[in-house]
Amino acid sequence: GLFNDFLKLASKFVRVETGVFQAHMEVELVNEGPVTILLDSNKKF
């Protein structure tokens, strides 16, 4: 299908891994760059 074709194409350029939706996974994350800040005037901080 379309998704599998996309995976094949993407895997030519970057490492691609697949898994099960909502499965328990261990991930590694590095935060660099801009941040997103939510400002809601209806909330009391």
PDB file of N, CA and C in Angstrom:
ATOM      1  N   GLY A   1       0.819  -1.189   0.000  1.00  0.00           N
ATOM      2  CA  GLY A   1       0.000   0.000   0.000  1.00  0.00           C
ATOM      3  C   GLY A   1       0.863   1.252   0.000  1.00  0.00           C
ATOM      4  N   LEU A   2       0.200   2.359   0.066  1.00  0.00           N
ATOM      5  CA  LEU A   2       0.850   3.661   0.017  1.00  0.00           C
ATOM      6  C   LEU A   2       1.848   3.843   1.154  1.00  0.00           C
ATOM      7  N   PHE A   3       1.475   3.435   2.365  1.00  0.00           N
ATOM      8  CA  PHE A   3       2.366   3.594   3.517  1.00  0.00           C
ATOM      9  C   PHE A   3       3.640   2.780   3.335  1.00  0.00           C
ATOM     10  N   ASN A   4       3.514   1.545   2.892  1.00  0.00           N
ATOM     11  CA  ASN A   4       4.697   0.699   2.681  1.00  0.00           C
ATOM     12  C   ASN A   4       5.593   1.258   1.578  1.00  0.00           C
ATOM     13  N   ASP A   5       4.986   1.823   0.539  1.00  0.00           N
ATOM     14  CA  ASP A   5       5.770   2.454  -0.523  1.00  0.00           C
ATOM     15  C   ASP A   5       6.543   3.651   0.024  1.00  0.00           C
ATOM     16  N   PHE A   6       5.887   4.429   0.890  1.00  0.00           N
ATOM     17  CA  PHE A   6       6.555   5.561   1.519  1.00  0.00           C
ATOM     18  C   PHE A   6       7.737   5.092   2.361  1.00  0.00           C
ATOM     19  N   LEU A   7       7.550   4.009   3.127  1.00  0.00           N
ATOM     20  CA  LEU A   7       8.633   3.479   3.956  1.00  0.00           C
ATOM     21  C   LEU A   7       9.826   3.059   3.108  1.00  0.00           C
ATOM     22  N   LYS A   8       9.564   2.396   1.994  1.00  0.00           N
ATOM     23  CA  LYS A   8      10.648   1.968   1.105  1.00  0.00           C
ATOM     24  C   LYS A   8      11.424   3.166   0.576  1.00  0.00           C
ATOM     25  N   LEU A   9      10.706   4.195   0.154  1.00  0.00           N
ATOM     26  CA  LEU A   9      11.354   5.385  -0.385  1.00  0.00           C
ATOM     27  C   LEU A   9      12.145   6.112   0.702  1.00  0.00           C
ATOM     28  N   ALA A  10      11.540   6.293   1.860  1.00  0.00           N
ATOM     29  CA  ALA A  10      12.205   7.009   2.949  1.00  0.00           C
ATOM     30  C   ALA A  10      13.449   6.268   3.421  1.00  0.00           C
ATOM     31  N   SER A  11      13.401   4.936   3.408  1.00  0.00           N
ATOM     32  CA  SER A  11      14.531   4.152   3.916  1.00  0.00           C
ATOM     33  C   SER A  11      15.766   4.267   3.024  1.00  0.00           C
ATOM     34  N   LYS A  12      15.611   4.799   1.830  1.00  0.00           N
ATOM     35  CA  LYS A  12      16.771   5.034   0.971  1.00  0.00           C
ATOM     36  C   LYS A  12      17.592   6.227   1.454  1.00  0.00           C
ATOM     37  N   PHE A  13      16.975   7.089   2.266  1.00  0.00           N
ATOM     38  CA  PHE A  13      17.625   8.330   2.686  1.00  0.00           C
ATOM     39  C   PHE A  13      17.893   8.404   4.188  1.00  0.00           C
ATOM     40  N   VAL A  14      17.049   7.772   4.992  1.00  0.00           N
ATOM     41  CA  VAL A  14      17.200   7.800   6.453  1.00  0.00           C
ATOM     42  C   VAL A  14      16.883   6.432   7.017  1.00  0.00           C
ATOM     43  N   ARG A  15      17.324   6.193   8.258  1.00  0.00           N
ATOM     44  CA  ARG A  15      17.002   4.924   8.920  1.00  0.00           C
ATOM     45  C   ARG A  15      15.519   4.926   9.292  1.00  0.00           C
ATOM     46  N   VAL A  16      14.818   3.899   8.900  1.00  0.00           N
ATOM     47  CA  VAL A  16      13.381   3.792   9.145  1.00  0.00           C
ATOM     48  C   VAL A  16      13.114   2.526   9.939  1.00  0.00           C
ATOM     49  N   GLU A  17      12.333   2.660  10.999  1.00  0.00           N
ATOM     50  CA  GLU A  17      11.906   1.500  11.768  1.00  0.00           C
ATOM     51  C   GLU A  17      10.397   1.560  11.913  1.00  0.00           C
ATOM     52  N   THR A  18       9.773   0.405  11.958  1.00  0.00           N
ATOM     53  CA  THR A  18       8.324   0.349  12.126  1.00  0.00           C
ATOM     54  C   THR A  18       8.002  -0.423  13.396  1.00  0.00           C
ATOM     55  N   GLY A  19       6.793  -0.271  13.853  1.00  0.00           N
ATOM     56  CA  GLY A  19       6.385  -0.955  15.075  1.00  0.00           C
ATOM     57  C   GLY A  19       4.876  -1.088  15.127  1.00  0.00           C
ATOM     58  N   VAL A  20       4.390  -1.368  16.312  1.00  0.00           N
ATOM     59  CA  VAL A  20       2.961  -1.560  16.535  1.00  0.00           C
ATOM     60  C   VAL A  20       2.399  -0.276  17.133  1.00  0.00           C
ATOM     61  N   PHE A  21       1.262   0.187  16.623  1.00  0.00           N
ATOM     62  CA  PHE A  21       0.626   1.402  17.124  1.00  0.00           C
ATOM     63  C   PHE A  21       0.275   1.245  18.596  1.00  0.00           C
ATOM     64  N   GLN A  22       0.614   2.228  19.391  1.00  0.00           N
ATOM     65  CA  GLN A  22       0.380   2.286  20.834  1.00  0.00           C
ATOM     66  C   GLN A  22       1.143   1.218  21.610  1.00  0.00           C
ATOM     67  N   ALA A  23       2.197   0.688  21.037  1.00  0.00           N
ATOM     68  CA  ALA A  23       3.017  -0.293  21.744  1.00  0.00           C
ATOM     69  C   ALA A  23       3.921   0.437  22.732  1.00  0.00           C
ATOM     70  N   HIS A  24       4.349  -0.254  23.762  1.00  0.00           N
ATOM     71  CA  HIS A  24       5.294   0.318  24.720  1.00  0.00           C
ATOM     72  C   HIS A  24       6.661   0.390  24.049  1.00  0.00           C
ATOM     73  N   MET A  25       7.251   1.586  24.026  1.00  0.00           N
ATOM     74  CA  MET A  25       8.532   1.760  23.359  1.00  0.00           C
ATOM     75  C   MET A  25       9.460   2.581  24.234  1.00  0.00           C
ATOM     76  N   GLU A  26      10.747   2.361  24.079  1.00  0.00           N
ATOM     77  CA  GLU A  26      11.754   3.206  24.696  1.00  0.00           C
ATOM     78  C   GLU A  26      12.292   4.116  23.606  1.00  0.00           C
ATOM     79  N   VAL A  27      12.286   5.415  23.871  1.00  0.00           N
ATOM     80  CA  VAL A  27      12.759   6.377  22.885  1.00  0.00           C
ATOM     81  C   VAL A  27      13.843   7.246  23.499  1.00  0.00           C
ATOM     82  N   GLU A  28      14.681   7.788  22.649  1.00  0.00           N
ATOM     83  CA  GLU A  28      15.720   8.720  23.071  1.00  0.00           C
ATOM     84  C   GLU A  28      15.418  10.055  22.423  1.00  0.00           C
ATOM     85  N   LEU A  29      15.482  11.131  23.204  1.00  0.00           N
ATOM     86  CA  LEU A  29      15.084  12.446  22.710  1.00  0.00           C
ATOM     87  C   LEU A  29      16.115  13.486  23.107  1.00  0.00           C
ATOM     88  N   VAL A  30      16.469  14.337  22.159  1.00  0.00           N
ATOM     89  CA  VAL A  30      17.349  15.467  22.434  1.00  0.00           C
ATOM     90  C   VAL A  30      16.596  16.723  22.028  1.00  0.00           C
ATOM     91  N   ASN A  31      16.367  17.610  22.983  1.00  0.00           N
ATOM     92  CA  ASN A  31      15.674  18.864  22.691  1.00  0.00           C
ATOM     93  C   ASN A  31      16.690  19.963  22.446  1.00  0.00           C
ATOM     94  N   GLU A  32      16.745  20.437  21.225  1.00  0.00           N
ATOM     95  CA  GLU A  32      17.575  21.581  20.874  1.00  0.00           C
ATOM     96  C   GLU A  32      16.735  22.507  20.022  1.00  0.00           C
ATOM     97  N   GLY A  33      16.841  23.783  20.284  1.00  0.00           N
ATOM     98  CA  GLY A  33      16.141  24.727  19.435  1.00  0.00           C
ATOM     99  C   GLY A  33      14.996  25.409  20.142  1.00  0.00           C
ATOM    100  N   PRO A  34      14.113  26.010  19.352  1.00  0.00           N
ATOM    101  CA  PRO A  34      12.996  26.777  19.916  1.00  0.00           C
ATOM    102  C   PRO A  34      12.087  25.903  20.782  1.00  0.00           C
ATOM    103  N   VAL A  35      11.398  26.555  21.669  1.00  0.00           N
ATOM    104  CA  VAL A  35      10.435  25.857  22.517  1.00  0.00           C
ATOM    105  C   VAL A  35       9.044  26.389  22.223  1.00  0.00           C
ATOM    106  N   THR A  36       8.046  25.599  22.525  1.00  0.00           N
ATOM    107  CA  THR A  36       6.664  26.022  22.386  1.00  0.00           C
ATOM    108  C   THR A  36       6.118  26.297  23.776  1.00  0.00           C
ATOM    109  N   ILE A  37       5.544  27.466  23.959  1.00  0.00           N
ATOM    110  CA  ILE A  37       4.982  27.843  25.251  1.00  0.00           C
ATOM    111  C   ILE A  37       3.502  28.133  25.054  1.00  0.00           C
ATOM    112  N   LEU A  38       2.663  27.486  25.845  1.00  0.00           N
ATOM    113  CA  LEU A  38       1.220  27.698  25.777  1.00  0.00           C
ATOM    114  C   LEU A  38       0.838  28.769  26.784  1.00  0.00           C
ATOM    115  N   LEU A  39       0.249  29.849  26.307  1.00  0.00           N
ATOM    116  CA  LEU A  39      -0.257  30.900  27.183  1.00  0.00           C
ATOM    117  C   LEU A  39      -1.765  30.932  27.044  1.00  0.00           C
ATOM    118  N   ASP A  40      -2.462  30.700  28.139  1.00  0.00           N
ATOM    119  CA  ASP A  40      -3.920  30.699  28.137  1.00  0.00           C
ATOM    120  C   ASP A  40      -4.379  31.599  29.273  1.00  0.00           C
ATOM    121  N   SER A  41      -4.958  32.739  28.940  1.00  0.00           N
ATOM    122  CA  SER A  41      -5.321  33.720  29.964  1.00  0.00           C
ATOM    123  C   SER A  41      -6.438  33.236  30.881  1.00  0.00           C
ATOM    124  N   ASN A  42      -7.143  32.178  30.499  1.00  0.00           N
ATOM    125  CA  ASN A  42      -8.208  31.638  31.346  1.00  0.00           C
ATOM    126  C   ASN A  42      -7.664  30.748  32.452  1.00  0.00           C
ATOM    127  N   LYS A  43      -6.415  30.341  32.354  1.00  0.00           N
ATOM    128  CA  LYS A  43      -5.824  29.479  33.372  1.00  0.00           C
ATOM    129  C   LYS A  43      -5.151  30.328  34.437  1.00  0.00           C
ATOM    130  N   LYS A  44      -5.194  29.851  35.669  1.00  0.00           N
ATOM    131  CA  LYS A  44      -4.526  30.536  36.771  1.00  0.00           C
ATOM    132  C   LYS A  44      -3.274  29.751  37.128  1.00  0.00           C
ATOM    133  N   PHE A  45      -2.128  30.396  37.076  1.00  0.00           N
ATOM    134  CA  PHE A  45      -0.865  29.730  37.355  1.00  0.00           C
ATOM    135  C   PHE A  45      -0.411  30.028  38.752  1.00  0.00           C
TER     136      PHE A  45
END
